[in-house]
Amino acid sequence: MITVLTAGFGAIWGAILRYGITNYGKKHWSEKFPYATLLINLTGAFLLGFIFSRKFSPFIYALIGTGVLGGYTTFSTLNVELLSHWRDRNYSVFTLYALLSYGGGLILVFLGYKVDTLI
């Protein structure tokens, strides 16, 4: 039960961080491309790959991996934004965002994992 509560505690902090970045992005970045969500998901993928490579205890992984990074990253927002661009016939933004999010996410989770060998 303590591990579940730990993951929940971490998720609170991840969600707060995501909320801050999202609001900053809405004020300072173009609304034509979802830069904030892309930044959040790509940095989250990199950090999750790094955390996974470190072989932390299940408790620490629950706090940081499942909790903080689970609350920080947002798969559902990504897909709603993709759907919105498709619906609005912004096919070039849809394609670029999908490629950067999914392709970039895979590359960055791998790079995060490999950074462990450099430390």
PDB file of N, CA and C in Angstrom:
ATOM      1  N   MET A   1       0.817  -1.198   0.000  1.00  0.00           N
ATOM      2  CA  MET A   1       0.000   0.000   0.000  1.00  0.00           C
ATOM      3  C   MET A   1       0.865   1.268   0.000  1.00  0.00           C
ATOM      4  N   ILE A   2       2.006   1.204   0.679  1.00  0.00           N
ATOM      5  CA  ILE A   2       2.884   2.376   0.747  1.00  0.00           C
ATOM      6  C   ILE A   2       3.439   2.721  -0.638  1.00  0.00           C
ATOM      7  N   THR A   3       3.689   1.705  -1.471  1.00  0.00           N
ATOM      8  CA  THR A   3       4.202   1.960  -2.816  1.00  0.00           C
ATOM      9  C   THR A   3       3.148   2.668  -3.666  1.00  0.00           C
ATOM     10  N   VAL A   4       1.900   2.281  -3.512  1.00  0.00           N
ATOM     11  CA  VAL A   4       0.813   2.936  -4.251  1.00  0.00           C
ATOM     12  C   VAL A   4       0.701   4.405  -3.845  1.00  0.00           C
ATOM     13  N   LEU A   5       0.776   4.662  -2.558  1.00  0.00           N
ATOM     14  CA  LEU A   5       0.713   6.044  -2.073  1.00  0.00           C
ATOM     15  C   LEU A   5       1.925   6.849  -2.537  1.00  0.00           C
ATOM     16  N   THR A   6       3.070   6.196  -2.596  1.00  0.00           N
ATOM     17  CA  THR A   6       4.288   6.853  -3.076  1.00  0.00           C
ATOM     18  C   THR A   6       4.141   7.263  -4.539  1.00  0.00           C
ATOM     19  N   ALA A   7       3.597   6.362  -5.364  1.00  0.00           N
ATOM     20  CA  ALA A   7       3.367   6.689  -6.776  1.00  0.00           C
ATOM     21  C   ALA A   7       2.390   7.855  -6.891  1.00  0.00           C
ATOM     22  N   GLY A   8       1.355   7.849  -6.077  1.00  0.00           N
ATOM     23  CA  GLY A   8       0.385   8.943  -6.092  1.00  0.00           C
ATOM     24  C   GLY A   8       1.002  10.267  -5.685  1.00  0.00           C
ATOM     25  N   PHE A   9       1.854  10.234  -4.676  1.00  0.00           N
ATOM     26  CA  PHE A   9       2.552  11.442  -4.237  1.00  0.00           C
ATOM     27  C   PHE A   9       3.433  11.985  -5.365  1.00  0.00           C
ATOM     28  N   GLY A  10       4.164  11.097  -6.030  1.00  0.00           N
ATOM     29  CA  GLY A  10       4.995  11.524  -7.154  1.00  0.00           C
ATOM     30  C   GLY A  10       4.169  12.097  -8.289  1.00  0.00           C
ATOM     31  N   ALA A  11       3.002  11.494  -8.544  1.00  0.00           N
ATOM     32  CA  ALA A  11       2.138  11.959  -9.631  1.00  0.00           C
ATOM     33  C   ALA A  11       1.654  13.384  -9.387  1.00  0.00           C
ATOM     34  N   ILE A  12       1.429  13.716  -8.130  1.00  0.00           N
ATOM     35  CA  ILE A  12       1.023  15.088  -7.801  1.00  0.00           C
ATOM     36  C   ILE A  12       2.084  16.071  -8.292  1.00  0.00           C
ATOM     37  N   TRP A  13       3.349  15.787  -7.990  1.00  0.00           N
ATOM     38  CA  TRP A  13       4.434  16.690  -8.379  1.00  0.00           C
ATOM     39  C   TRP A  13       4.640  16.717  -9.888  1.00  0.00           C
ATOM     40  N   GLY A  14       4.486  15.567 -10.534  1.00  0.00           N
ATOM     41  CA  GLY A  14       4.590  15.536 -11.989  1.00  0.00           C
ATOM     42  C   GLY A  14       3.493  16.344 -12.657  1.00  0.00           C
ATOM     43  N   ALA A  15       2.277  16.237 -12.138  1.00  0.00           N
ATOM     44  CA  ALA A  15       1.150  16.986 -12.703  1.00  0.00           C
ATOM     45  C   ALA A  15       1.322  18.487 -12.492  1.00  0.00           C
ATOM     46  N   ILE A  16       1.839  18.872 -11.344  1.00  0.00           N
ATOM     47  CA  ILE A  16       2.091  20.295 -11.080  1.00  0.00           C
ATOM     48  C   ILE A  16       3.127  20.836 -12.065  1.00  0.00           C
ATOM     49  N   LEU A  17       4.174  20.077 -12.297  1.00  0.00           N
ATOM     50  CA  LEU A  17       5.208  20.488 -13.248  1.00  0.00           C
ATOM     51  C   LEU A  17       4.634  20.589 -14.657  1.00  0.00           C
ATOM     52  N   ARG A  18       3.847  19.585 -15.066  1.00  0.00           N
ATOM     53  CA  ARG A  18       3.219  19.618 -16.389  1.00  0.00           C
ATOM     54  C   ARG A  18       2.302  20.829 -16.522  1.00  0.00           C
ATOM     55  N   TYR A  19       1.526  21.099 -15.513  1.00  0.00           N
ATOM     56  CA  TYR A  19       0.607  22.242 -15.525  1.00  0.00           C
ATOM     57  C   TYR A  19       1.382  23.550 -15.703  1.00  0.00           C
ATOM     58  N   GLY A  20       2.487  23.690 -14.996  1.00  0.00           N
ATOM     59  CA  GLY A  20       3.303  24.897 -15.107  1.00  0.00           C
ATOM     60  C   GLY A  20       3.884  25.080 -16.494  1.00  0.00           C
ATOM     61  N   ILE A  21       4.417  24.008 -17.063  1.00  0.00           N
ATOM     62  CA  ILE A  21       5.003  24.094 -18.406  1.00  0.00           C
ATOM     63  C   ILE A  21       3.921  24.377 -19.445  1.00  0.00           C
ATOM     64  N   THR A  22       2.781  23.719 -19.309  1.00  0.00           N
ATOM     65  CA  THR A  22       1.677  23.939 -20.248  1.00  0.00           C
ATOM     66  C   THR A  22       1.208  25.388 -20.215  1.00  0.00           C
ATOM     67  N   ASN A  23       1.032  25.937 -19.037  1.00  0.00           N
ATOM     68  CA  ASN A  23       0.588  27.333 -18.933  1.00  0.00           C
ATOM     69  C   ASN A  23       1.643  28.301 -19.441  1.00  0.00           C
ATOM     70  N   TYR A  24       2.909  28.023 -19.170  1.00  0.00           N
ATOM     71  CA  TYR A  24       3.982  28.857 -19.702  1.00  0.00           C
ATOM     72  C   TYR A  24       3.935  28.830 -21.232  1.00  0.00           C
ATOM     73  N   GLY A  25       3.789  27.633 -21.788  1.00  0.00           N
ATOM     74  CA  GLY A  25       3.732  27.494 -23.238  1.00  0.00           C
ATOM     75  C   GLY A  25       2.572  28.242 -23.865  1.00  0.00           C
ATOM     76  N   LYS A  26       1.420  28.212 -23.215  1.00  0.00           N
ATOM     77  CA  LYS A  26       0.251  28.934 -23.739  1.00  0.00           C
ATOM     78  C   LYS A  26       0.492  30.439 -23.786  1.00  0.00           C
ATOM     79  N   LYS A  27       1.271  30.955 -22.860  1.00  0.00           N
ATOM     80  CA  LYS A  27       1.532  32.395 -22.800  1.00  0.00           C
ATOM     81  C   LYS A  27       2.669  32.838 -23.713  1.00  0.00           C
ATOM     82  N   HIS A  28       3.651  31.962 -23.921  1.00  0.00           N
ATOM     83  CA  HIS A  28       4.885  32.403 -24.569  1.00  0.00           C
ATOM     84  C   HIS A  28       5.200  31.730 -25.904  1.00  0.00           C
ATOM     85  N   TRP A  29       4.503  30.656 -26.244  1.00  0.00           N
ATOM     86  CA  TRP A  29       4.815  29.938 -27.480  1.00  0.00           C
ATOM     87  C   TRP A  29       3.628  29.976 -28.425  1.00  0.00           C
ATOM     88  N   SER A  30       3.892  29.760 -29.686  1.00  0.00           N
ATOM     89  CA  SER A  30       2.849  29.747 -30.709  1.00  0.00           C
ATOM     90  C   SER A  30       1.789  28.692 -30.394  1.00  0.00           C
ATOM     91  N   GLU A  31       0.543  29.044 -30.657  1.00  0.00           N
ATOM     92  CA  GLU A  31      -0.552  28.097 -30.450  1.00  0.00           C
ATOM     93  C   GLU A  31      -0.785  27.222 -31.678  1.00  0.00           C
ATOM     94  N   LYS A  32      -0.014  27.449 -32.731  1.00  0.00           N
ATOM     95  CA  LYS A  32      -0.197  26.670 -33.957  1.00  0.00           C
ATOM     96  C   LYS A  32       0.424  25.285 -33.865  1.00  0.00           C
ATOM     97  N   PHE A  33       1.302  25.098 -32.910  1.00  0.00           N
ATOM     98  CA  PHE A  33       1.949  23.795 -32.717  1.00  0.00           C
ATOM     99  C   PHE A  33       2.013  23.533 -31.215  1.00  0.00           C
ATOM    100  N   PRO A  34       1.731  22.306 -30.780  1.00  0.00           N
ATOM    101  CA  PRO A  34       1.693  21.987 -29.341  1.00  0.00           C
ATOM    102  C   PRO A  34       3.094  21.777 -28.749  1.00  0.00           C
ATOM    103  N   TYR A  35       3.869  22.848 -28.701  1.00  0.00           N
ATOM    104  CA  TYR A  35       5.244  22.765 -28.208  1.00  0.00           C
ATOM    105  C   TYR A  35       5.331  22.270 -26.765  1.00  0.00           C
ATOM    106  N   ALA A  36       4.450  22.733 -25.912  1.00  0.00           N
ATOM    107  CA  ALA A  36       4.533  22.362 -24.495  1.00  0.00           C
ATOM    108  C   ALA A  36       4.344  20.864 -24.307  1.00  0.00           C
ATOM    109  N   THR A  37       3.333  20.291 -24.943  1.00  0.00           N
ATOM    110  CA  THR A  37       3.094  18.855 -24.804  1.00  0.00           C
ATOM    111  C   THR A  37       4.251  18.060 -25.390  1.00  0.00           C
ATOM    112  N   LEU A  38       4.777  18.511 -26.516  1.00  0.00           N
ATOM    113  CA  LEU A  38       5.920  17.828 -27.119  1.00  0.00           C
ATOM    114  C   LEU A  38       7.122  17.868 -26.183  1.00  0.00           C
ATOM    115  N   LEU A  39       7.423  19.032 -25.631  1.00  0.00           N
ATOM    116  CA  LEU A  39       8.537  19.165 -24.689  1.00  0.00           C
ATOM    117  C   LEU A  39       8.343  18.250 -23.485  1.00  0.00           C
ATOM    118  N   ILE A  40       7.157  18.257 -22.935  1.00  0.00           N
ATOM    119  CA  ILE A  40       6.856  17.433 -21.765  1.00  0.00           C
ATOM    120  C   ILE A  40       7.053  15.955 -22.081  1.00  0.00           C
ATOM    121  N   ASN A  41       6.465  15.491 -23.171  1.00  0.00           N
ATOM    122  CA  ASN A  41       6.541  14.066 -23.479  1.00  0.00           C
ATOM    123  C   ASN A  41       7.941  13.614 -23.878  1.00  0.00           C
ATOM    124  N   LEU A  42       8.685  14.452 -24.593  1.00  0.00           N
ATOM    125  CA  LEU A  42      10.039  14.054 -24.988  1.00  0.00           C
ATOM    126  C   LEU A  42      11.002  14.069 -23.804  1.00  0.00           C
ATOM    127  N   THR A  43      10.923  15.080 -22.960  1.00  0.00           N
ATOM    128  CA  THR A  43      11.794  15.074 -21.775  1.00  0.00           C
ATOM    129  C   THR A  43      11.390  13.953 -20.827  1.00  0.00           C
ATOM    130  N   GLY A  44      10.095  13.692 -20.732  1.00  0.00           N
ATOM    131  CA  GLY A  44       9.632  12.582 -19.898  1.00  0.00           C
ATOM    132  C   GLY A  44      10.128  11.242 -20.403  1.00  0.00           C
ATOM    133  N   ALA A  45      10.125  11.045 -21.728  1.00  0.00           N
ATOM    134  CA  ALA A  45      10.628   9.799 -22.310  1.00  0.00           C
ATOM    135  C   ALA A  45      12.113   9.622 -22.007  1.00  0.00           C
ATOM    136  N   PHE A  46      12.876  10.692 -22.190  1.00  0.00           N
ATOM    137  CA  PHE A  46      14.311  10.628 -21.898  1.00  0.00           C
ATOM    138  C   PHE A  46      14.555  10.279 -20.427  1.00  0.00           C
ATOM    139  N   LEU A  47      13.881  10.983 -19.539  1.00  0.00           N
ATOM    140  CA  LEU A  47      14.079  10.753 -18.102  1.00  0.00           C
ATOM    141  C   LEU A  47      13.616   9.364 -17.680  1.00  0.00           C
ATOM    142  N   LEU A  48      12.530   8.884 -18.261  1.00  0.00           N
ATOM    143  CA  LEU A  48      12.058   7.543 -17.919  1.00  0.00           C
ATOM    144  C   LEU A  48      13.049   6.482 -18.386  1.00  0.00           C
ATOM    145  N   GLY A  49      13.633   6.680 -19.568  1.00  0.00           N
ATOM    146  CA  GLY A  49      14.673   5.759 -20.032  1.00  0.00           C
ATOM    147  C   GLY A  49      15.860   5.752 -19.095  1.00  0.00           C
ATOM    148  N   PHE A  50      16.251   6.929 -18.624  1.00  0.00           N
ATOM    149  CA  PHE A  50      17.372   7.028 -17.689  1.00  0.00           C
ATOM    150  C   PHE A  50      17.040   6.352 -16.364  1.00  0.00           C
ATOM    151  N   ILE A  51      15.866   6.627 -15.818  1.00  0.00           N
ATOM    152  CA  ILE A  51      15.449   6.031 -14.543  1.00  0.00           C
ATOM    153  C   ILE A  51      15.390   4.514 -14.672  1.00  0.00           C
ATOM    154  N   PHE A  52      14.849   4.029 -15.786  1.00  0.00           N
ATOM    155  CA  PHE A  52      14.749   2.588 -16.016  1.00  0.00           C
ATOM    156  C   PHE A  52      16.129   1.940 -16.048  1.00  0.00           C
ATOM    157  N   SER A  53      17.102   2.630 -16.639  1.00  0.00           N
ATOM    158  CA  SER A  53      18.452   2.070 -16.760  1.00  0.00           C
ATOM    159  C   SER A  53      19.166   1.960 -15.423  1.00  0.00           C
ATOM    160  N   ARG A  54      18.782   2.776 -14.460  1.00  0.00           N
ATOM    161  CA  ARG A  54      19.476   2.818 -13.173  1.00  0.00           C
ATOM    162  C   ARG A  54      19.101   1.659 -12.253  1.00  0.00           C
ATOM    163  N   LYS A  55      18.082   0.921 -12.592  1.00  0.00           N
ATOM    164  CA  LYS A  55      17.662  -0.245 -11.806  1.00  0.00           C
ATOM    165  C   LYS A  55      17.431   0.116 -10.341  1.00  0.00           C
ATOM    166  N   PHE A  56      16.649   1.152 -10.135  1.00  0.00           N
ATOM    167  CA  PHE A  56      16.283   1.560  -8.778  1.00  0.00           C
ATOM    168  C   PHE A  56      15.371   0.521  -8.139  1.00  0.00           C
ATOM    169  N   SER A  57      15.208   0.646  -6.859  1.00  0.00           N
ATOM    170  CA  SER A  57      14.282  -0.231  -6.144  1.00  0.00           C
ATOM    171  C   SER A  57      12.861   0.023  -6.654  1.00  0.00           C
ATOM    172  N   PRO A  58      11.975  -0.952  -6.490  1.00  0.00           N
ATOM    173  CA  PRO A  58      10.583  -0.746  -6.910  1.00  0.00           C
ATOM    174  C   PRO A  58       9.944   0.483  -6.252  1.00  0.00           C
ATOM    175  N   PHE A  59      10.333   0.790  -5.033  1.00  0.00           N
ATOM    176  CA  PHE A  59       9.791   1.947  -4.318  1.00  0.00           C
ATOM    177  C   PHE A  59      10.192   3.248  -5.017  1.00  0.00           C
ATOM    178  N   ILE A  60      11.471   3.391  -5.339  1.00  0.00           N
ATOM    179  CA  ILE A  60      11.965   4.606  -6.007  1.00  0.00           C
ATOM    180  C   ILE A  60      11.400   4.701  -7.418  1.00  0.00           C
ATOM    181  N   TYR A  61      11.324   3.562  -8.116  1.00  0.00           N
ATOM    182  CA  TYR A  61      10.748   3.576  -9.462  1.00  0.00           C
ATOM    183  C   TYR A  61       9.278   3.991  -9.407  1.00  0.00           C
ATOM    184  N   ALA A  62       8.554   3.529  -8.385  1.00  0.00           N
ATOM    185  CA  ALA A  62       7.146   3.925  -8.227  1.00  0.00           C
ATOM    186  C   ALA A  62       7.035   5.427  -7.999  1.00  0.00           C
ATOM    187  N   LEU A  63       7.931   5.982  -7.200  1.00  0.00           N
ATOM    188  CA  LEU A  63       7.909   7.414  -6.910  1.00  0.00           C
ATOM    189  C   LEU A  63       8.236   8.241  -8.149  1.00  0.00           C
ATOM    190  N   ILE A  64       9.360   7.927  -8.797  1.00  0.00           N
ATOM    191  CA  ILE A  64       9.846   8.757  -9.899  1.00  0.00           C
ATOM    192  C   ILE A  64       9.282   8.317 -11.253  1.00  0.00           C
ATOM    193  N   GLY A  65       9.414   7.033 -11.571  1.00  0.00           N
ATOM    194  CA  GLY A  65       8.981   6.543 -12.881  1.00  0.00           C
ATOM    195  C   GLY A  65       7.475   6.570 -13.057  1.00  0.00           C
ATOM    196  N   THR A  66       6.785   5.819 -12.215  1.00  0.00           N
ATOM    197  CA  THR A  66       5.329   5.755 -12.316  1.00  0.00           C
ATOM    198  C   THR A  66       4.686   7.042 -11.826  1.00  0.00           C
ATOM    199  N   GLY A  67       5.173   7.568 -10.716  1.00  0.00           N
ATOM    200  CA  GLY A  67       4.559   8.742 -10.103  1.00  0.00           C
ATOM    201  C   GLY A  67       4.876  10.038 -10.810  1.00  0.00           C
ATOM    202  N   VAL A  68       6.079  10.561 -10.582  1.00  0.00           N
ATOM    203  CA  VAL A  68       6.438  11.879 -11.123  1.00  0.00           C
ATOM    204  C   VAL A  68       6.336  11.898 -12.650  1.00  0.00           C
ATOM    205  N   LEU A  69       6.987  10.957 -13.314  1.00  0.00           N
ATOM    206  CA  LEU A  69       6.993  10.992 -14.777  1.00  0.00           C
ATOM    207  C   LEU A  69       5.658  10.569 -15.370  1.00  0.00           C
ATOM    208  N   GLY A  70       4.922   9.703 -14.669  1.00  0.00           N
ATOM    209  CA  GLY A  70       3.572   9.358 -15.118  1.00  0.00           C
ATOM    210  C   GLY A  70       2.625  10.544 -15.021  1.00  0.00           C
ATOM    211  N   GLY A  71       2.763  11.328 -13.961  1.00  0.00           N
ATOM    212  CA  GLY A  71       1.953  12.534 -13.811  1.00  0.00           C
ATOM    213  C   GLY A  71       2.412  13.666 -14.720  1.00  0.00           C
ATOM    214  N   TYR A  72       3.679  13.639 -15.082  1.00  0.00           N
ATOM    215  CA  TYR A  72       4.279  14.689 -15.912  1.00  0.00           C
ATOM    216  C   TYR A  72       3.928  14.510 -17.392  1.00  0.00           C
ATOM    217  N   THR A  73       4.105  13.308 -17.902  1.00  0.00           N
ATOM    218  CA  THR A  73       3.855  13.074 -19.324  1.00  0.00           C
ATOM    219  C   THR A  73       2.363  12.913 -19.569  1.00  0.00           C
ATOM    220  N   THR A  74       1.970  13.060 -20.825  1.00  0.00           N
ATOM    221  CA  THR A  74       0.540  13.051 -21.113  1.00  0.00           C
ATOM    222  C   THR A  74       0.238  12.465 -22.481  1.00  0.00           C
ATOM    223  N   PHE A  75      -0.020  11.191 -22.500  1.00  0.00           N
ATOM    224  CA  PHE A  75      -0.352  10.485 -23.733  1.00  0.00           C
ATOM    225  C   PHE A  75      -1.729  10.904 -24.242  1.00  0.00           C
ATOM    226  N   SER A  76      -2.657  11.113 -23.347  1.00  0.00           N
ATOM    227  CA  SER A  76      -4.017  11.464 -23.773  1.00  0.00           C
ATOM    228  C   SER A  76      -4.069  12.847 -24.417  1.00  0.00           C
ATOM    229  N   THR A  77      -3.380  13.823 -23.841  1.00  0.00           N
ATOM    230  CA  THR A  77      -3.367  15.164 -24.437  1.00  0.00           C
ATOM    231  C   THR A  77      -2.725  15.128 -25.816  1.00  0.00           C
ATOM    232  N   LEU A  78      -1.647  14.388 -25.949  1.00  0.00           N
ATOM    233  CA  LEU A  78      -0.983  14.231 -27.239  1.00  0.00           C
ATOM    234  C   LEU A  78      -1.981  13.756 -28.286  1.00  0.00           C
ATOM    235  N   ASN A  79      -2.732  12.723 -27.975  1.00  0.00           N
ATOM    236  CA  ASN A  79      -3.652  12.156 -28.959  1.00  0.00           C
ATOM    237  C   ASN A  79      -4.844  13.063 -29.245  1.00  0.00           C
ATOM    238  N   VAL A  80      -5.327  13.792 -28.259  1.00  0.00           N
ATOM    239  CA  VAL A  80      -6.406  14.758 -28.504  1.00  0.00           C
ATOM    240  C   VAL A  80      -5.895  15.890 -29.399  1.00  0.00           C
ATOM    241  N   GLU A  81      -4.673  16.347 -29.157  1.00  0.00           N
ATOM    242  CA  GLU A  81      -4.103  17.397 -30.006  1.00  0.00           C
ATOM    243  C   GLU A  81      -3.912  16.894 -31.434  1.00  0.00           C
ATOM    244  N   LEU A  82      -3.474  15.647 -31.582  1.00  0.00           N
ATOM    245  CA  LEU A  82      -3.351  15.074 -32.922  1.00  0.00           C
ATOM    246  C   LEU A  82      -4.712  15.024 -33.614  1.00  0.00           C
ATOM    247  N   LEU A  83      -5.716  14.557 -32.907  1.00  0.00           N
ATOM    248  CA  LEU A  83      -7.064  14.492 -33.467  1.00  0.00           C
ATOM    249  C   LEU A  83      -7.559  15.879 -33.871  1.00  0.00           C
ATOM    250  N   SER A  84      -7.277  16.861 -33.051  1.00  0.00           N
ATOM    251  CA  SER A  84      -7.696  18.233 -33.342  1.00  0.00           C
ATOM    252  C   SER A  84      -7.054  18.745 -34.627  1.00  0.00           C
ATOM    253  N   HIS A  85      -5.764  18.478 -34.810  1.00  0.00           N
ATOM    254  CA  HIS A  85      -5.085  18.921 -36.036  1.00  0.00           C
ATOM    255  C   HIS A  85      -5.626  18.174 -37.254  1.00  0.00           C
ATOM    256  N   TRP A  86      -5.936  16.902 -37.090  1.00  0.00           N
ATOM    257  CA  TRP A  86      -6.511  16.126 -38.193  1.00  0.00           C
ATOM    258  C   TRP A  86      -7.896  16.680 -38.553  1.00  0.00           C
ATOM    259  N   ARG A  87      -8.715  16.897 -37.543  1.00  0.00           N
ATOM    260  CA  ARG A  87     -10.072  17.418 -37.747  1.00  0.00           C
ATOM    261  C   ARG A  87     -10.042  18.774 -38.455  1.00  0.00           C
ATOM    262  N   ASP A  88      -9.071  19.610 -38.077  1.00  0.00           N
ATOM    263  CA  ASP A  88      -8.944  20.946 -38.664  1.00  0.00           C
ATOM    264  C   ASP A  88      -8.172  20.946 -39.985  1.00  0.00           C
ATOM    265  N   ARG A  89      -7.858  19.765 -40.466  1.00  0.00           N
ATOM    266  CA  ARG A  89      -7.146  19.574 -41.740  1.00  0.00           C
ATOM    267  C   ARG A  89      -5.749  20.200 -41.745  1.00  0.00           C
ATOM    268  N   ASN A  90      -5.138  20.268 -40.584  1.00  0.00           N
ATOM    269  CA  ASN A  90      -3.743  20.717 -40.464  1.00  0.00           C
ATOM    270  C   ASN A  90      -2.841  19.487 -40.584  1.00  0.00           C
ATOM    271  N   TYR A  91      -2.842  18.896 -41.759  1.00  0.00           N
ATOM    272  CA  TYR A  91      -2.171  17.613 -41.947  1.00  0.00           C
ATOM    273  C   TYR A  91      -0.659  17.699 -41.775  1.00  0.00           C
ATOM    274  N   SER A  92      -0.070  18.824 -42.148  1.00  0.00           N
ATOM    275  CA  SER A  92       1.383  18.944 -41.986  1.00  0.00           C
ATOM    276  C   SER A  92       1.750  19.007 -40.506  1.00  0.00           C
ATOM    277  N   VAL A  93       0.985  19.752 -39.707  1.00  0.00           N
ATOM    278  CA  VAL A  93       1.234  19.805 -38.260  1.00  0.00           C
ATOM    279  C   VAL A  93       0.959  18.439 -37.642  1.00  0.00           C
ATOM    280  N   PHE A  94      -0.134  17.801 -38.055  1.00  0.00           N
ATOM    281  CA  PHE A  94      -0.469  16.464 -37.559  1.00  0.00           C
ATOM    282  C   PHE A  94       0.697  15.498 -37.788  1.00  0.00           C
ATOM    283  N   THR A  95       1.209  15.474 -39.016  1.00  0.00           N
ATOM    284  CA  THR A  95       2.282  14.546 -39.373  1.00  0.00           C
ATOM    285  C   THR A  95       3.566  14.855 -38.617  1.00  0.00           C
ATOM    286  N   LEU A  96       3.961  16.115 -38.590  1.00  0.00           N
ATOM    287  CA  LEU A  96       5.183  16.498 -37.885  1.00  0.00           C
ATOM    288  C   LEU A  96       5.083  16.176 -36.402  1.00  0.00           C
ATOM    289  N   TYR A  97       3.968  16.516 -35.794  1.00  0.00           N
ATOM    290  CA  TYR A  97       3.762  16.285 -34.361  1.00  0.00           C
ATOM    291  C   TYR A  97       3.767  14.789 -34.041  1.00  0.00           C
ATOM    292  N   ALA A  98       3.104  13.994 -34.864  1.00  0.00           N
ATOM    293  CA  ALA A  98       3.081  12.544 -34.643  1.00  0.00           C
ATOM    294  C   ALA A  98       4.483  11.953 -34.770  1.00  0.00           C
ATOM    295  N   LEU A  99       5.212  12.355 -35.804  1.00  0.00           N
ATOM    296  CA  LEU A  99       6.569  11.832 -36.002  1.00  0.00           C
ATOM    297  C   LEU A  99       7.505  12.254 -34.877  1.00  0.00           C
ATOM    298  N   LEU A 100       7.447  13.525 -34.503  1.00  0.00           N
ATOM    299  CA  LEU A 100       8.313  14.001 -33.420  1.00  0.00           C
ATOM    300  C   LEU A 100       7.949  13.354 -32.086  1.00  0.00           C
ATOM    301  N   SER A 101       6.667  13.207 -31.826  1.00  0.00           N
ATOM    302  CA  SER A 101       6.230  12.656 -30.541  1.00  0.00           C
ATOM    303  C   SER A 101       6.554  11.177 -30.416  1.00  0.00           C
ATOM    304  N   TYR A 102       6.112  10.389 -31.384  1.00  0.00           N
ATOM    305  CA  TYR A 102       6.311   8.946 -31.285  1.00  0.00           C
ATOM    306  C   TYR A 102       7.737   8.542 -31.647  1.00  0.00           C
ATOM    307  N   GLY A 103       8.238   9.065 -32.767  1.00  0.00           N
ATOM    308  CA  GLY A 103       9.610   8.744 -33.158  1.00  0.00           C
ATOM    309  C   GLY A 103      10.623   9.334 -32.198  1.00  0.00           C
ATOM    310  N   GLY A 104      10.445  10.612 -31.870  1.00  0.00           N
ATOM    311  CA  GLY A 104      11.346  11.265 -30.919  1.00  0.00           C
ATOM    312  C   GLY A 104      11.278  10.632 -29.550  1.00  0.00           C
ATOM    313  N   GLY A 105      10.083  10.239 -29.137  1.00  0.00           N
ATOM    314  CA  GLY A 105       9.930   9.577 -27.841  1.00  0.00           C
ATOM    315  C   GLY A 105      10.703   8.275 -27.770  1.00  0.00           C
ATOM    316  N   LEU A 106      10.621   7.474 -28.827  1.00  0.00           N
ATOM    317  CA  LEU A 106      11.372   6.213 -28.855  1.00  0.00           C
ATOM    318  C   LEU A 106      12.877   6.458 -28.834  1.00  0.00           C
ATOM    319  N   ILE A 107      13.316   7.422 -29.618  1.00  0.00           N
ATOM    320  CA  ILE A 107      14.747   7.740 -29.652  1.00  0.00           C
ATOM    321  C   ILE A 107      15.218   8.244 -28.287  1.00  0.00           C
ATOM    322  N   LEU A 108      14.453   9.129 -27.673  1.00  0.00           N
ATOM    323  CA  LEU A 108      14.889   9.720 -26.406  1.00  0.00           C
ATOM    324  C   LEU A 108      14.809   8.754 -25.234  1.00  0.00           C
ATOM    325  N   VAL A 109      13.844   7.845 -25.220  1.00  0.00           N
ATOM    326  CA  VAL A 109      13.823   6.857 -24.141  1.00  0.00           C
ATOM    327  C   VAL A 109      15.055   5.955 -24.270  1.00  0.00           C
ATOM    328  N   PHE A 110      15.448   5.635 -25.499  1.00  0.00           N
ATOM    329  CA  PHE A 110      16.655   4.846 -25.723  1.00  0.00           C
ATOM    330  C   PHE A 110      17.900   5.630 -25.307  1.00  0.00           C
ATOM    331  N   LEU A 111      17.982   6.907 -25.694  1.00  0.00           N
ATOM    332  CA  LEU A 111      19.136   7.726 -25.311  1.00  0.00           C
ATOM    333  C   LEU A 111      19.226   7.896 -23.800  1.00  0.00           C
ATOM    334  N   GLY A 112      18.089   8.098 -23.159  1.00  0.00           N
ATOM    335  CA  GLY A 112      18.078   8.187 -21.702  1.00  0.00           C
ATOM    336  C   GLY A 112      18.611   6.919 -21.064  1.00  0.00           C
ATOM    337  N   TYR A 113      18.234   5.792 -21.636  1.00  0.00           N
ATOM    338  CA  TYR A 113      18.710   4.501 -21.141  1.00  0.00           C
ATOM    339  C   TYR A 113      20.220   4.372 -21.353  1.00  0.00           C
ATOM    340  N   LYS A 114      20.704   4.819 -22.505  1.00  0.00           N
ATOM    341  CA  LYS A 114      22.125   4.688 -22.835  1.00  0.00           C
ATOM    342  C   LYS A 114      23.009   5.684 -22.084  1.00  0.00           C
ATOM    343  N   VAL A 115      22.466   6.796 -21.634  1.00  0.00           N
ATOM    344  CA  VAL A 115      23.246   7.784 -20.879  1.00  0.00           C
ATOM    345  C   VAL A 115      23.854   7.135 -19.645  1.00  0.00           C
ATOM    346  N   ASP A 116      23.179   6.156 -19.112  1.00  0.00           N
ATOM    347  CA  ASP A 116      23.678   5.453 -17.931  1.00  0.00           C
ATOM    348  C   ASP A 116      25.082   4.894 -18.161  1.00  0.00           C
ATOM    349  N   THR A 117      25.390   4.490 -19.372  1.00  0.00           N
ATOM    350  CA  THR A 117      26.717   3.938 -19.650  1.00  0.00           C
ATOM    351  C   THR A 117      27.798   5.017 -19.653  1.00  0.00           C
ATOM    352  N   LEU A 118      27.400   6.276 -19.778  1.00  0.00           N
ATOM    353  CA  LEU A 118      28.365   7.373 -19.798  1.00  0.00           C
ATOM    354  C   LEU A 118      28.664   7.926 -18.410  1.00  0.00           C
ATOM    355  N   ILE A 119      27.835   7.552 -17.448  1.00  0.00           N
ATOM    356  CA  ILE A 119      27.987   8.098 -16.089  1.00  0.00           C
ATOM    357  C   ILE A 119      28.864   7.193 -15.252  1.00  0.00           C
TER     358      ILE A 119
END
